[in-house]
Structures are given as C-alpha cells and as structure tokens.
Amino acid sequence: MLRQLLDLYLTFFKIGAVTFGGGYAMLPILERELVNKKKWATSEDLLDYYAISQVTPGVIAVNVSTFIGFRQRGVPGGICATMGVVTPSVIIISIIAMFISNFEDIVWVQKMLAGINVAVAALLTYAVFNFAKKSIKKWWGAIFYLAAFSAIYFLKLPSVVVIVSAAVLGILVTWLTGGLRKKEDEKK
C-alpha cells in the first residue's frame, strides 16, 4: 500500500509541477496521465470529477486529485494525491517569496508571464474544445452549451446560477425523455 500511496503522490507532484493556468489548463495533462497512462479513471470519470469540482468549494486541481486519490486508496490516497498536486506550488511560491521582493516589477518576469499567459490560453482552448466534444452527446446538450455560454458571456450571470440551472434542466430533460427509467432498467 505504501508503494501505491507514493505512486499517487509522485504522479500528482509531476502533474502539479508542469501545470500552469489552473484546473482547466490541466485537463489535457490529467487525461494523459490518469486516463491513458495510469488507467486510474475513464474520460467520463474525469469529466464527472471536473463537474463536481466546479460546484464544490476549492481549487479544481485539488478537488480532482482528492477524488482520484480517494478512489484509488481511500482517505490516505486522497491525502497523498492532494499533497502531491499542491507541493510544487508551495515550493515555487516559497522560493519566489524568499528571494524576490518585487517580483512583478522585474521586466524579464513580466515578459515571461506574458508568454506563459499565451501558452495557458492555448491549453485552455484545447481543454474546452475536448471537454465540449466529450460532454455534448445529445441535441439538448448543444442547446445547454449555447445557453450557458450566452448567459455567462452576454448576460453576465454568475457561474453558480448557470451551473445549478443546467443541473436542474439536465435532470428535467433526462426525466422527460425517459432517461431516468432507462438507467433504472439497466440496474435490474
């Protein structure tokens, strides 16, 4: 068990060390490491963890790592995976805080951050595109997508209102189309 906990910690340490831009930008890395290489989750599981992480307090990356770790090795696995994903940030932030008092005033740092921002925008675009391809499976999913985007972008509605509304509408549409009965029949 200790070897598996160490594997969880090191895997998430690696993910935390190479991920810039937060939870959305790490989706391609999580998919490659956790779905393709380690087989700790399916793409659908990962999307579910992302969705749950959106509506629970905390950072998406931390929440997803906790879900995966818990699924693999219970509470100790959740703790190891969570510690693994946050350790690189703690180390880097501590080093920056110790040695550079006016970090944002240094010209080369400003240029470096500008370059990183462009790369993160590309990662986010890639993650959103792949997330949409995997999430929109029915005609009503495309309508939800467009409505949610419009509500956030044009109407400036809070994200939580859009997410809760989409959850309620998703249940309603699934119920109206008989999807809930199909799932119950599959269990029998």
C-alpha atoms as a PDB file:
ATOM      1  CA  MET A   1       0.000   0.000   0.000  1.00  0.00           C
ATOM      2  CA  LEU A   2       2.878   2.377   0.765  1.00  0.00           C
ATOM      3  CA  ARG A   3       4.174   1.963  -2.790  1.00  0.00           C
ATOM      4  CA  GLN A   4       0.733   2.854  -4.209  1.00  0.00           C
ATOM      5  CA  LEU A   5       0.480   5.924  -1.977  1.00  0.00           C
ATOM      6  CA  LEU A   6       3.932   7.031  -3.107  1.00  0.00           C
ATOM      7  CA  ASP A   7       2.871   6.472  -6.728  1.00  0.00           C
ATOM      8  CA  LEU A   8      -0.198   8.685  -6.159  1.00  0.00           C
ATOM      9  CA  TYR A   9       1.932  11.400  -4.548  1.00  0.00           C
ATOM     10  CA  LEU A  10       4.612  11.355  -7.265  1.00  0.00           C
ATOM     11  CA  THR A  11       2.105  11.238 -10.126  1.00  0.00           C
ATOM     12  CA  PHE A  12       0.238  14.259  -8.796  1.00  0.00           C
ATOM     13  CA  PHE A  13       3.507  16.011  -7.891  1.00  0.00           C
ATOM     14  CA  LYS A  14       4.518  15.698 -11.547  1.00  0.00           C
ATOM     15  CA  ILE A  15       1.118  16.997 -12.675  1.00  0.00           C
ATOM     16  CA  GLY A  16       1.306  19.912 -10.228  1.00  0.00           C
ATOM     17  CA  ALA A  17       4.850  20.759 -11.315  1.00  0.00           C
ATOM     18  CA  VAL A  18       4.077  21.077 -15.021  1.00  0.00           C
ATOM     19  CA  THR A  19       0.636  22.628 -14.916  1.00  0.00           C
ATOM     20  CA  PHE A  20       0.198  26.348 -15.364  1.00  0.00           C
ATOM     21  CA  GLY A  21      -3.131  28.122 -15.573  1.00  0.00           C
ATOM     22  CA  GLY A  22      -5.219  26.231 -13.066  1.00  0.00           C
ATOM     23  CA  GLY A  23      -7.716  23.411 -13.296  1.00  0.00           C
ATOM     24  CA  TYR A  24      -8.915  23.881 -16.869  1.00  0.00           C
ATOM     25  CA  ALA A  25      -5.431  24.009 -18.301  1.00  0.00           C
ATOM     26  CA  MET A  26      -4.513  20.785 -16.548  1.00  0.00           C
ATOM     27  CA  LEU A  27      -7.339  18.751 -18.146  1.00  0.00           C
ATOM     28  CA  PRO A  28      -5.171  17.513 -21.057  1.00  0.00           C
ATOM     29  CA  ILE A  29      -2.365  16.585 -18.649  1.00  0.00           C
ATOM     30  CA  LEU A  30      -4.761  14.829 -16.268  1.00  0.00           C
ATOM     31  CA  GLU A  31      -6.283  12.911 -19.141  1.00  0.00           C
ATOM     32  CA  ARG A  32      -2.900  11.797 -20.455  1.00  0.00           C
ATOM     33  CA  GLU A  33      -1.556  10.781 -17.037  1.00  0.00           C
ATOM     34  CA  LEU A  34      -4.640   9.438 -15.262  1.00  0.00           C
ATOM     35  CA  VAL A  35      -6.730   8.033 -18.099  1.00  0.00           C
ATOM     36  CA  ASN A  36      -4.208   6.979 -20.743  1.00  0.00           C
ATOM     37  CA  LYS A  37      -1.102   6.055 -18.715  1.00  0.00           C
ATOM     38  CA  LYS A  38      -2.249   5.028 -15.223  1.00  0.00           C
ATOM     39  CA  LYS A  39      -5.805   3.930 -16.105  1.00  0.00           C
ATOM     40  CA  TRP A  40      -6.999   5.300 -12.751  1.00  0.00           C
ATOM     41  CA  ALA A  41     -10.091   6.828 -14.358  1.00  0.00           C
ATOM     42  CA  THR A  42     -12.000   6.937 -17.615  1.00  0.00           C
ATOM     43  CA  SER A  43     -12.502  10.117 -19.626  1.00  0.00           C
ATOM     44  CA  GLU A  44     -16.109  10.144 -18.418  1.00  0.00           C
ATOM     45  CA  ASP A  45     -14.988   9.823 -14.777  1.00  0.00           C
ATOM     46  CA  LEU A  46     -12.603  12.724 -15.251  1.00  0.00           C
ATOM     47  CA  LEU A  47     -15.356  14.887 -16.727  1.00  0.00           C
ATOM     48  CA  ASP A  48     -17.614  13.961 -13.801  1.00  0.00           C
ATOM     49  CA  TYR A  49     -14.888  14.910 -11.314  1.00  0.00           C
ATOM     50  CA  TYR A  50     -14.463  18.232 -13.116  1.00  0.00           C
ATOM     51  CA  ALA A  51     -18.189  18.895 -12.969  1.00  0.00           C
ATOM     52  CA  ILE A  52     -18.339  18.058  -9.255  1.00  0.00           C
ATOM     53  CA  SER A  53     -15.230  20.171  -8.634  1.00  0.00           C
ATOM     54  CA  GLN A  54     -16.993  23.138 -10.248  1.00  0.00           C
ATOM     55  CA  VAL A  55     -19.790  23.105  -7.681  1.00  0.00           C
ATOM     56  CA  THR A  56     -17.727  22.301  -4.592  1.00  0.00           C
ATOM     57  CA  PRO A  57     -15.505  24.764  -2.738  1.00  0.00           C
ATOM     58  CA  GLY A  58     -11.815  24.733  -3.521  1.00  0.00           C
ATOM     59  CA  VAL A  59      -9.424  24.598  -6.415  1.00  0.00           C
ATOM     60  CA  ILE A  60     -10.368  22.280  -9.291  1.00  0.00           C
ATOM     61  CA  ALA A  61      -6.935  20.620  -9.413  1.00  0.00           C
ATOM     62  CA  VAL A  62      -7.009  19.871  -5.697  1.00  0.00           C
ATOM     63  CA  ASN A  63     -10.559  18.540  -5.816  1.00  0.00           C
ATOM     64  CA  VAL A  64      -9.859  16.269  -8.787  1.00  0.00           C
ATOM     65  CA  SER A  65      -6.658  14.933  -7.215  1.00  0.00           C
ATOM     66  CA  THR A  66      -8.544  14.235  -3.986  1.00  0.00           C
ATOM     67  CA  PHE A  67     -11.286  12.343  -5.873  1.00  0.00           C
ATOM     68  CA  ILE A  68      -8.788  10.214  -7.795  1.00  0.00           C
ATOM     69  CA  GLY A  69      -6.624   9.546  -4.744  1.00  0.00           C
ATOM     70  CA  PHE A  70      -9.640   8.613  -2.636  1.00  0.00           C
ATOM     71  CA  ARG A  71     -10.941   6.322  -5.360  1.00  0.00           C
ATOM     72  CA  GLN A  72      -7.580   4.542  -5.566  1.00  0.00           C
ATOM     73  CA  ARG A  73      -6.639   4.219  -1.878  1.00  0.00           C
ATOM     74  CA  GLY A  74      -9.357   5.742   0.306  1.00  0.00           C
ATOM     75  CA  VAL A  75      -8.584   8.595   2.698  1.00  0.00           C
ATOM     76  CA  PRO A  76      -4.788   8.045   2.684  1.00  0.00           C
ATOM     77  CA  GLY A  77      -4.864   8.073  -1.140  1.00  0.00           C
ATOM     78  CA  GLY A  78      -6.878  11.294  -1.183  1.00  0.00           C
ATOM     79  CA  ILE A  79      -4.402  12.929   1.177  1.00  0.00           C
ATOM     80  CA  CYS A  80      -1.331  11.746  -0.783  1.00  0.00           C
ATOM     81  CA  ALA A  81      -2.733  12.830  -4.157  1.00  0.00           C
ATOM     82  CA  THR A  82      -3.776  16.219  -2.771  1.00  0.00           C
ATOM     83  CA  MET A  83      -0.398  16.789  -1.139  1.00  0.00           C
ATOM     84  CA  GLY A  84       1.317  15.774  -4.374  1.00  0.00           C
ATOM     85  CA  VAL A  85      -0.541  18.279  -6.532  1.00  0.00           C
ATOM     86  CA  VAL A  86      -0.023  21.237  -4.150  1.00  0.00           C
ATOM     87  CA  THR A  87       3.601  20.599  -3.145  1.00  0.00           C
ATOM     88  CA  PRO A  88       5.198  22.047  -6.321  1.00  0.00           C
ATOM     89  CA  SER A  89       3.204  25.277  -5.960  1.00  0.00           C
ATOM     90  CA  VAL A  90       4.159  25.630  -2.306  1.00  0.00           C
ATOM     91  CA  ILE A  91       7.833  25.125  -3.153  1.00  0.00           C
ATOM     92  CA  ILE A  92       7.828  27.572  -6.072  1.00  0.00           C
ATOM     93  CA  ILE A  93       5.846  30.255  -4.241  1.00  0.00           C
ATOM     94  CA  SER A  94       8.087  29.930  -1.174  1.00  0.00           C
ATOM     95  CA  ILE A  95      11.243  30.343  -3.270  1.00  0.00           C
ATOM     96  CA  ILE A  96       9.820  33.368  -5.061  1.00  0.00           C
ATOM     97  CA  ALA A  97       8.725  34.924  -1.757  1.00  0.00           C
ATOM     98  CA  MET A  98      12.158  34.403  -0.195  1.00  0.00           C
ATOM     99  CA  PHE A  99      14.322  35.795  -2.978  1.00  0.00           C
ATOM    100  CA  ILE A 100      12.352  38.318  -4.957  1.00  0.00           C
ATOM    101  CA  SER A 101      10.568  41.102  -3.133  1.00  0.00           C
ATOM    102  CA  ASN A 102       9.275  42.999  -6.193  1.00  0.00           C
ATOM    103  CA  PHE A 103       8.743  40.017  -8.470  1.00  0.00           C
ATOM    104  CA  GLU A 104       6.160  41.692 -10.684  1.00  0.00           C
ATOM    105  CA  ASP A 105       8.387  44.743 -11.299  1.00  0.00           C
ATOM    106  CA  ILE A 106      11.186  42.798 -12.988  1.00  0.00           C
ATOM    107  CA  VAL A 107      10.957  43.246 -16.777  1.00  0.00           C
ATOM    108  CA  TRP A 108      12.054  39.723 -17.717  1.00  0.00           C
ATOM    109  CA  VAL A 109       9.471  38.297 -15.294  1.00  0.00           C
ATOM    110  CA  GLN A 110       6.745  40.404 -16.938  1.00  0.00           C
ATOM    111  CA  LYS A 111       7.784  39.121 -20.388  1.00  0.00           C
ATOM    112  CA  MET A 112       7.955  35.536 -19.125  1.00  0.00           C
ATOM    113  CA  LEU A 113       4.450  35.812 -17.640  1.00  0.00           C
ATOM    114  CA  ALA A 114       3.124  37.298 -20.878  1.00  0.00           C
ATOM    115  CA  GLY A 115       4.473  34.278 -22.759  1.00  0.00           C
ATOM    116  CA  ILE A 116       3.072  31.865 -20.192  1.00  0.00           C
ATOM    117  CA  ASN A 117      -0.346  33.555 -20.457  1.00  0.00           C
ATOM    118  CA  VAL A 118      -0.443  32.892 -24.210  1.00  0.00           C
ATOM    119  CA  ALA A 119       0.504  29.249 -23.692  1.00  0.00           C
ATOM    120  CA  VAL A 120      -2.129  28.898 -20.958  1.00  0.00           C
ATOM    121  CA  ALA A 121      -4.757  30.412 -23.272  1.00  0.00           C
ATOM    122  CA  ALA A 122      -3.880  27.737 -25.850  1.00  0.00           C
ATOM    123  CA  LEU A 123      -4.123  24.998 -23.196  1.00  0.00           C
ATOM    124  CA  LEU A 124      -7.485  26.342 -22.041  1.00  0.00           C
ATOM    125  CA  THR A 125      -8.795  26.454 -25.604  1.00  0.00           C
ATOM    126  CA  TYR A 126      -7.678  22.867 -26.157  1.00  0.00           C
ATOM    127  CA  ALA A 127      -9.229  21.728 -22.849  1.00  0.00           C
ATOM    128  CA  VAL A 128     -12.538  23.495 -23.517  1.00  0.00           C
ATOM    129  CA  PHE A 129     -12.751  22.064 -27.034  1.00  0.00           C
ATOM    130  CA  ASN A 130     -12.091  18.496 -25.840  1.00  0.00           C
ATOM    131  CA  PHE A 131     -14.368  18.904 -22.830  1.00  0.00           C
ATOM    132  CA  ALA A 132     -17.190  20.129 -25.093  1.00  0.00           C
ATOM    133  CA  LYS A 133     -16.667  17.256 -27.555  1.00  0.00           C
ATOM    134  CA  LYS A 134     -16.972  14.703 -24.759  1.00  0.00           C
ATOM    135  CA  SER A 135     -19.785  16.427 -22.878  1.00  0.00           C
ATOM    136  CA  ILE A 136     -22.192  17.325 -25.678  1.00  0.00           C
ATOM    137  CA  LYS A 137     -23.719  13.986 -26.642  1.00  0.00           C
ATOM    138  CA  LYS A 138     -27.347  14.911 -27.335  1.00  0.00           C
ATOM    139  CA  TRP A 139     -29.084  17.753 -29.163  1.00  0.00           C
ATOM    140  CA  TRP A 140     -30.198  19.293 -25.893  1.00  0.00           C
ATOM    141  CA  GLY A 141     -26.569  19.320 -24.703  1.00  0.00           C
ATOM    142  CA  ALA A 142     -25.697  21.662 -27.580  1.00  0.00           C
ATOM    143  CA  ILE A 143     -28.610  23.909 -26.631  1.00  0.00           C
ATOM    144  CA  PHE A 144     -27.478  23.918 -22.972  1.00  0.00           C
ATOM    145  CA  TYR A 145     -23.950  24.752 -24.086  1.00  0.00           C
ATOM    146  CA  LEU A 146     -25.055  27.739 -26.161  1.00  0.00           C
ATOM    147  CA  ALA A 147     -27.494  28.926 -23.492  1.00  0.00           C
ATOM    148  CA  ALA A 148     -24.904  28.636 -20.708  1.00  0.00           C
ATOM    149  CA  PHE A 149     -22.255  30.429 -22.755  1.00  0.00           C
ATOM    150  CA  SER A 150     -24.723  33.196 -23.627  1.00  0.00           C
ATOM    151  CA  ALA A 151     -25.882  33.536 -20.017  1.00  0.00           C
ATOM    152  CA  ILE A 152     -22.316  33.927 -18.764  1.00  0.00           C
ATOM    153  CA  TYR A 153     -20.794  35.918 -21.614  1.00  0.00           C
ATOM    154  CA  PHE A 154     -23.633  38.220 -22.672  1.00  0.00           C
ATOM    155  CA  LEU A 155     -25.914  38.375 -19.624  1.00  0.00           C
ATOM    156  CA  LYS A 156     -23.049  38.243 -17.096  1.00  0.00           C
ATOM    157  CA  LEU A 157     -24.938  35.779 -14.883  1.00  0.00           C
ATOM    158  CA  PRO A 158     -22.946  34.257 -12.008  1.00  0.00           C
ATOM    159  CA  SER A 159     -21.448  30.853 -12.817  1.00  0.00           C
ATOM    160  CA  VAL A 160     -23.181  29.178  -9.898  1.00  0.00           C
ATOM    161  CA  VAL A 161     -26.606  30.236 -11.244  1.00  0.00           C
ATOM    162  CA  VAL A 162     -25.767  28.796 -14.665  1.00  0.00           C
ATOM    163  CA  ILE A 163     -24.397  25.528 -13.224  1.00  0.00           C
ATOM    164  CA  VAL A 164     -27.356  24.951 -10.892  1.00  0.00           C
ATOM    165  CA  SER A 165     -29.805  25.820 -13.682  1.00  0.00           C
ATOM    166  CA  ALA A 166     -28.073  23.407 -16.062  1.00  0.00           C
ATOM    167  CA  ALA A 167     -28.148  20.659 -13.422  1.00  0.00           C
ATOM    168  CA  VAL A 168     -31.881  21.123 -12.834  1.00  0.00           C
ATOM    169  CA  LEU A 169     -32.605  21.306 -16.563  1.00  0.00           C
ATOM    170  CA  GLY A 170     -30.433  18.237 -17.198  1.00  0.00           C
ATOM    171  CA  ILE A 171     -32.456  16.229 -14.684  1.00  0.00           C
ATOM    172  CA  LEU A 172     -35.707  17.549 -16.116  1.00  0.00           C
ATOM    173  CA  VAL A 173     -34.790  16.745 -19.738  1.00  0.00           C
ATOM    174  CA  THR A 174     -33.489  13.304 -18.759  1.00  0.00           C
ATOM    175  CA  TRP A 175     -36.703  12.600 -16.875  1.00  0.00           C
ATOM    176  CA  LEU A 176     -38.917  13.866 -19.718  1.00  0.00           C
ATOM    177  CA  THR A 177     -37.076  11.796 -22.320  1.00  0.00           C
ATOM    178  CA  GLY A 178     -37.247   8.659 -20.175  1.00  0.00           C
ATOM    179  CA  GLY A 179     -33.519   8.571 -19.471  1.00  0.00           C
ATOM    180  CA  LEU A 180     -34.009   8.003 -15.735  1.00  0.00           C
ATOM    181  CA  ARG A 181     -36.211   4.959 -16.395  1.00  0.00           C
ATOM    182  CA  LYS A 182     -33.595   3.532 -18.780  1.00  0.00           C
ATOM    183  CA  LYS A 183     -30.891   3.772 -16.093  1.00  0.00           C
ATOM    184  CA  GLU A 184     -33.177   2.074 -13.541  1.00  0.00           C
ATOM    185  CA  ASP A 185     -33.966  -0.701 -16.033  1.00  0.00           C
ATOM    186  CA  GLU A 186     -30.236  -1.235 -16.715  1.00  0.00           C
ATOM    187  CA  LYS A 187     -29.609  -1.740 -12.984  1.00  0.00           C
ATOM    188  CA  LYS A 188     -32.219  -4.514 -12.768  1.00  0.00           C
END
